[in-house]
C-alpha atoms as a PDB file:
ATOM      1  CA  LEU A   1       0.000   0.000   0.000  1.00  0.00           C
ATOM      2  CA  ARG A   2       1.240   3.433  -0.920  1.00  0.00           C
ATOM      3  CA  SER A   3      -0.160   6.908  -0.600  1.00  0.00           C
ATOM      4  CA  SER A   4       0.416  10.086  -2.527  1.00  0.00           C
ATOM      5  CA  CYS A   5      -0.816  12.874  -0.335  1.00  0.00           C
ATOM      6  CA  GLY A   6      -0.442  16.532   0.383  1.00  0.00           C
ATOM      7  CA  VAL A   7      -0.865  17.951  -3.087  1.00  0.00           C
ATOM      8  CA  GLY A   8      -2.176  21.473  -2.795  1.00  0.00           C
ATOM      9  CA  GLY A   9      -0.241  22.642   0.234  1.00  0.00           C
ATOM     10  CA  GLY A  10       1.582  25.919   0.350  1.00  0.00           C
ATOM     11  CA  LEU A  11       1.373  29.485   1.559  1.00  0.00           C
ATOM     12  CA  VAL A  12      -1.960  31.248   1.750  1.00  0.00           C
ATOM     13  CA  GLN A  13      -3.247  34.437   3.337  1.00  0.00           C
ATOM     14  CA  PRO A  14      -5.738  34.336   6.196  1.00  0.00           C
ATOM     15  CA  GLY A  15      -9.205  33.819   4.801  1.00  0.00           C
ATOM     16  CA  GLY A  16      -7.871  32.030   1.756  1.00  0.00           C
ATOM     17  CA  SER A  17      -8.391  28.496   0.542  1.00  0.00           C
ATOM     18  CA  LEU A  18      -6.369  25.419  -0.331  1.00  0.00           C
ATOM     19  CA  ARG A  19      -7.247  21.964  -1.567  1.00  0.00           C
ATOM     20  CA  LEU A  20      -5.338  18.831  -0.632  1.00  0.00           C
ATOM     21  CA  SER A  21      -5.616  15.463  -2.318  1.00  0.00           C
ATOM     22  CA  CYS A  22      -4.540  11.957  -1.400  1.00  0.00           C
ATOM     23  CA  THR A  23      -4.548   8.805  -3.492  1.00  0.00           C
ATOM     24  CA  ALA A  24      -3.963   5.270  -2.268  1.00  0.00           C
ATOM     25  CA  SER A  25      -2.508   2.634  -4.560  1.00  0.00           C
ATOM     26  CA  GLY A  26      -1.503  -1.006  -4.352  1.00  0.00           C
ATOM     27  CA  SER A  27      -3.177  -4.370  -3.987  1.00  0.00           C
ATOM     28  CA  ILE A  28      -6.001  -2.952  -1.930  1.00  0.00           C
ATOM     29  CA  PHE A  29      -8.809  -5.218  -0.881  1.00  0.00           C
ATOM     30  CA  SER A  30     -10.727  -2.558   0.972  1.00  0.00           C
ATOM     31  CA  ILE A  31     -10.151   0.855   2.502  1.00  0.00           C
ATOM     32  CA  ASN A  32     -11.509   1.445   5.966  1.00  0.00           C
ATOM     33  CA  ALA A  33     -10.799   5.151   6.138  1.00  0.00           C
ATOM     34  CA  MET A  34      -8.816   7.949   4.573  1.00  0.00           C
ATOM     35  CA  GLY A  35      -8.161  11.378   5.916  1.00  0.00           C
ATOM     36  CA  TRP A  36      -5.774  14.027   7.134  1.00  0.00           C
ATOM     37  CA  TYR A  37      -3.967  14.709  10.343  1.00  0.00           C
ATOM     38  CA  ARG A  38      -1.859  17.736  11.088  1.00  0.00           C
ATOM     39  CA  GLN A  39       0.975  18.591  13.400  1.00  0.00           C
ATOM     40  CA  ALA A  40       1.991  22.111  14.312  1.00  0.00           C
ATOM     41  CA  PRO A  41       5.286  22.990  16.025  1.00  0.00           C
ATOM     42  CA  GLY A  42       5.127  22.010  19.669  1.00  0.00           C
ATOM     43  CA  LYS A  43       1.751  20.358  19.219  1.00  0.00           C
ATOM     44  CA  GLN A  44       0.508  16.802  19.171  1.00  0.00           C
ATOM     45  CA  ARG A  45      -0.625  15.342  15.898  1.00  0.00           C
ATOM     46  CA  GLU A  46      -4.370  15.748  15.617  1.00  0.00           C
ATOM     47  CA  LEU A  47      -7.117  14.508  13.379  1.00  0.00           C
ATOM     48  CA  VAL A  48      -8.325  17.138  10.946  1.00  0.00           C
ATOM     49  CA  ALA A  49     -10.865  15.222   8.901  1.00  0.00           C
ATOM     50  CA  ALA A  50     -11.536  11.654   7.851  1.00  0.00           C
ATOM     51  CA  VAL A  51     -14.046   9.726   5.814  1.00  0.00           C
ATOM     52  CA  THR A  52     -14.843   6.030   5.980  1.00  0.00           C
ATOM     53  CA  SER A  53     -15.588   3.633   3.162  1.00  0.00           C
ATOM     54  CA  VAL A  54     -19.300   4.043   3.828  1.00  0.00           C
ATOM     55  CA  GLY A  55     -19.132   7.821   3.769  1.00  0.00           C
ATOM     56  CA  SER A  56     -19.234   8.803   7.418  1.00  0.00           C
ATOM     57  CA  ARG A  57     -17.160  11.884   8.211  1.00  0.00           C
ATOM     58  CA  ASN A  58     -15.325  13.200  11.219  1.00  0.00           C
ATOM     59  CA  TYR A  59     -13.929  16.691  11.689  1.00  0.00           C
ATOM     60  CA  ALA A  60     -11.906  18.376  14.339  1.00  0.00           C
ATOM     61  CA  ASP A  61     -13.998  20.951  16.178  1.00  0.00           C
ATOM     62  CA  SER A  62     -11.587  23.671  15.115  1.00  0.00           C
ATOM     63  CA  VAL A  63     -12.252  23.121  11.404  1.00  0.00           C
ATOM     64  CA  LYS A  64     -15.966  22.369  11.357  1.00  0.00           C
ATOM     65  CA  GLY A  65     -17.782  24.635   8.955  1.00  0.00           C
ATOM     66  CA  ARG A  66     -14.559  25.597   7.185  1.00  0.00           C
ATOM     67  CA  PHE A  67     -13.081  22.328   5.902  1.00  0.00           C
ATOM     68  CA  THR A  68     -14.803  19.717   3.792  1.00  0.00           C
ATOM     69  CA  ILE A  69     -13.578  16.201   3.110  1.00  0.00           C
ATOM     70  CA  SER A  70     -14.827  14.313   0.087  1.00  0.00           C
ATOM     71  CA  ARG A  71     -14.029  10.993  -1.507  1.00  0.00           C
ATOM     72  CA  ASP A  72     -13.923   9.133  -4.784  1.00  0.00           C
ATOM     73  CA  ASN A  73     -13.907   5.450  -3.908  1.00  0.00           C
ATOM     74  CA  ALA A  74     -13.409   4.350  -7.500  1.00  0.00           C
ATOM     75  CA  LYS A  75     -10.126   6.272  -7.581  1.00  0.00           C
ATOM     76  CA  ASN A  76      -9.162   5.598  -3.958  1.00  0.00           C
ATOM     77  CA  THR A  77      -8.806   9.333  -3.573  1.00  0.00           C
ATOM     78  CA  VAL A  78      -9.873  11.842  -0.958  1.00  0.00           C
ATOM     79  CA  TYR A  79      -9.847  15.613  -1.052  1.00  0.00           C
ATOM     80  CA  LEU A  80      -9.725  18.195   1.671  1.00  0.00           C
ATOM     81  CA  GLN A  81     -11.115  21.588   0.770  1.00  0.00           C
ATOM     82  CA  MET A  82      -9.879  24.136   3.280  1.00  0.00           C
ATOM     83  CA  ASN A  83     -11.667  27.474   3.326  1.00  0.00           C
ATOM     84  CA  SER A  84     -11.478  30.499   5.598  1.00  0.00           C
ATOM     85  CA  LEU A  85      -7.996  29.506   6.633  1.00  0.00           C
ATOM     86  CA  LYS A  86      -6.593  30.896   9.860  1.00  0.00           C
ATOM     87  CA  PRO A  87      -3.018  31.244  11.097  1.00  0.00           C
ATOM     88  CA  GLU A  88      -3.859  28.533  13.626  1.00  0.00           C
ATOM     89  CA  ASP A  89      -4.244  26.114  10.715  1.00  0.00           C
ATOM     90  CA  THR A  90      -0.530  26.357   9.985  1.00  0.00           C
ATOM     91  CA  ALA A  91       0.915  22.858  10.266  1.00  0.00           C
ATOM     92  CA  VAL A  92       2.277  19.914   8.378  1.00  0.00           C
ATOM     93  CA  TYR A  93      -0.646  17.954   7.015  1.00  0.00           C
ATOM     94  CA  TYR A  94      -0.402  14.188   6.615  1.00  0.00           C
ATOM     95  CA  CYS A  95      -2.650  11.905   4.649  1.00  0.00           C
ATOM     96  CA  ASN A  96      -3.533   8.665   6.383  1.00  0.00           C
ATOM     97  CA  VAL A  97      -4.879   5.493   4.798  1.00  0.00           C
ATOM     98  CA  LYS A  98      -6.257   2.537   6.711  1.00  0.00           C
ATOM     99  CA  ALA A  99      -6.803  -0.437   4.446  1.00  0.00           C
ATOM    100  CA  LEU A 100      -6.829  -4.188   4.061  1.00  0.00           C
ATOM    101  CA  VAL A 101      -4.096  -5.016   1.579  1.00  0.00           C
ATOM    102  CA  LEU A 102      -3.831  -8.293  -0.279  1.00  0.00           C
ATOM    103  CA  GLY A 103      -0.800 -10.209   0.918  1.00  0.00           C
ATOM    104  CA  SER A 104      -0.132  -7.815   3.788  1.00  0.00           C
ATOM    105  CA  GLY A 105      -3.265  -7.656   5.875  1.00  0.00           C
ATOM    106  CA  SER A 106      -4.292  -4.515   7.689  1.00  0.00           C
ATOM    107  CA  MET A 107      -2.153  -1.489   6.889  1.00  0.00           C
ATOM    108  CA  ASP A 108      -1.928   2.022   8.247  1.00  0.00           C
ATOM    109  CA  VAL A 109       0.050   4.224   5.873  1.00  0.00           C
ATOM    110  CA  TRP A 110       1.040   7.853   6.187  1.00  0.00           C
ATOM    111  CA  GLY A 111       1.939  10.222   3.415  1.00  0.00           C
ATOM    112  CA  LYS A 112       5.110  12.269   3.577  1.00  0.00           C
ATOM    113  CA  GLY A 113       3.248  15.391   4.617  1.00  0.00           C
ATOM    114  CA  THR A 114       2.858  18.842   3.171  1.00  0.00           C
ATOM    115  CA  GLN A 115       3.370  22.216   4.790  1.00  0.00           C
ATOM    116  CA  VAL A 116       0.394  24.532   4.985  1.00  0.00           C
ATOM    117  CA  THR A 117       1.260  28.039   6.105  1.00  0.00           C
ATOM    118  CA  VAL A 118      -1.397  30.669   6.702  1.00  0.00           C
ATOM    119  CA  SER A 119       0.162  34.086   7.009  1.00  0.00           C
ATOM    120  CA  SER A 120      -0.037  37.609   5.678  1.00  0.00           C
END
């Protein structure tokens, strides 16, 4: 199982928007969940948003109403639309994939991460 995540990161002004994408590839039998976590300097890694294979979604309280996670199961891809960005959103964002992989069993794979910086 491999993941290609973090596309769309970069520098944005407060109030701006960014879109991240993550694609899982490999001998995947099923995907349990895909989503993003983030880690800011001096902070613990936290869940930002995730979506399960049946479409249920979870969001961190701090991003509710501003971020939207969506999925394309046929492409094993998820997207994170981030609107109304705040300086507090500055962090490294990591895609996470939880899947059952043929020949390997259950897997929990992290992308390499992408820096999102919200600043004037």
